[in-house]
């Protein structure tokens, strides 16, 4: 059946999506702590710490 063939591919897509989300949240946490011009142009950010920035990016 077609559903038996697509089931592993759907799971693989969700795993890949999860890995991308985790990678982006780690990168966001690292980038948040750097002293760049983004602090001037991204005013009004919801995150006040690197951990919160990573969580919001993941979410």
C-alpha atoms as a PDB file:
ATOM      1  CA  UNK A   1       0.000   0.000   0.000  1.00  0.00           C
ATOM      2  CA  UNK A   2       0.978   3.581  -0.480  1.00  0.00           C
ATOM      3  CA  UNK A   3       0.514   4.499   3.200  1.00  0.00           C
ATOM      4  CA  UNK A   4       3.096   1.954   4.340  1.00  0.00           C
ATOM      5  CA  UNK A   5       5.695   3.514   2.079  1.00  0.00           C
ATOM      6  CA  UNK A   6       5.034   7.131   3.080  1.00  0.00           C
ATOM      7  CA  UNK A   7       4.901   6.596   6.842  1.00  0.00           C
ATOM      8  CA  UNK A   8       8.716   6.463   7.342  1.00  0.00           C
ATOM      9  CA  UNK A   9       9.124   9.496   5.095  1.00  0.00           C
ATOM     10  CA  UNK A  10       6.673  11.503   7.209  1.00  0.00           C
ATOM     11  CA  UNK A  11       8.563  10.552  10.373  1.00  0.00           C
ATOM     12  CA  UNK A  12      11.866  11.477   8.720  1.00  0.00           C
ATOM     13  CA  UNK A  13      10.431  14.866   7.738  1.00  0.00           C
ATOM     14  CA  UNK A  14       9.374  15.594  11.321  1.00  0.00           C
ATOM     15  CA  UNK A  15      12.788  14.541  12.630  1.00  0.00           C
ATOM     16  CA  UNK A  16      14.475  16.806  10.092  1.00  0.00           C
ATOM     17  CA  UNK A  17      12.163  19.674  11.040  1.00  0.00           C
ATOM     18  CA  UNK A  18      12.986  19.154  14.718  1.00  0.00           C
ATOM     19  CA  UNK A  19      16.720  19.183  14.010  1.00  0.00           C
ATOM     20  CA  UNK A  20      16.396  22.388  12.015  1.00  0.00           C
ATOM     21  CA  UNK A  21      14.422  24.024  14.842  1.00  0.00           C
ATOM     22  CA  UNK A  22      17.009  23.008  17.442  1.00  0.00           C
ATOM     23  CA  UNK A  23      19.865  24.222  15.243  1.00  0.00           C
ATOM     24  CA  UNK A  24      18.195  27.574  14.645  1.00  0.00           C
ATOM     25  CA  UNK A  25      17.460  28.063  18.333  1.00  0.00           C
ATOM     26  CA  UNK A  26      21.090  27.357  19.246  1.00  0.00           C
ATOM     27  CA  UNK A  27      22.277  29.781  16.571  1.00  0.00           C
ATOM     28  CA  UNK A  28      19.819  32.401  17.801  1.00  0.00           C
ATOM     29  CA  UNK A  29      21.085  32.037  21.372  1.00  0.00           C
ATOM     30  CA  UNK A  30      24.685  32.463  20.239  1.00  0.00           C
ATOM     31  CA  UNK A  31      23.850  35.428  18.002  1.00  0.00           C
ATOM     32  CA  UNK A  32      21.860  37.124  20.804  1.00  0.00           C
ATOM     33  CA  UNK A  33      24.967  37.460  22.994  1.00  0.00           C
ATOM     34  CA  UNK A  34      27.114  39.047  20.294  1.00  0.00           C
ATOM     35  CA  UNK A  35      27.588  42.781  20.281  1.00  0.00           C
ATOM     36  CA  UNK A  36      26.449  43.698  16.759  1.00  0.00           C
ATOM     37  CA  UNK A  37      24.450  46.445  15.110  1.00  0.00           C
ATOM     38  CA  UNK A  38      21.376  44.208  15.310  1.00  0.00           C
ATOM     39  CA  UNK A  39      20.835  45.524  18.846  1.00  0.00           C
ATOM     40  CA  UNK A  40      20.092  48.941  17.348  1.00  0.00           C
ATOM     41  CA  UNK A  41      17.873  47.750  14.534  1.00  0.00           C
ATOM     42  CA  UNK A  42      15.936  44.995  16.289  1.00  0.00           C
ATOM     43  CA  UNK A  43      14.530  47.057  19.134  1.00  0.00           C
ATOM     44  CA  UNK A  44      11.399  45.827  20.832  1.00  0.00           C
ATOM     45  CA  UNK A  45      12.564  42.225  21.012  1.00  0.00           C
ATOM     46  CA  UNK A  46      10.501  39.862  23.145  1.00  0.00           C
ATOM     47  CA  UNK A  47      13.594  38.090  24.467  1.00  0.00           C
ATOM     48  CA  UNK A  48      15.653  39.527  27.295  1.00  0.00           C
ATOM     49  CA  UNK A  49      18.207  36.725  27.492  1.00  0.00           C
ATOM     50  CA  UNK A  50      19.965  34.336  25.147  1.00  0.00           C
ATOM     51  CA  UNK A  51      18.027  31.366  26.501  1.00  0.00           C
ATOM     52  CA  UNK A  52      14.729  33.111  25.918  1.00  0.00           C
ATOM     53  CA  UNK A  53      15.754  34.093  22.380  1.00  0.00           C
ATOM     54  CA  UNK A  54      16.571  30.460  21.639  1.00  0.00           C
ATOM     55  CA  UNK A  55      13.286  29.273  23.084  1.00  0.00           C
ATOM     56  CA  UNK A  56      11.270  31.805  21.086  1.00  0.00           C
ATOM     57  CA  UNK A  57      13.099  30.823  17.920  1.00  0.00           C
ATOM     58  CA  UNK A  58      12.366  27.142  18.565  1.00  0.00           C
ATOM     59  CA  UNK A  59       8.757  27.806  19.439  1.00  0.00           C
END
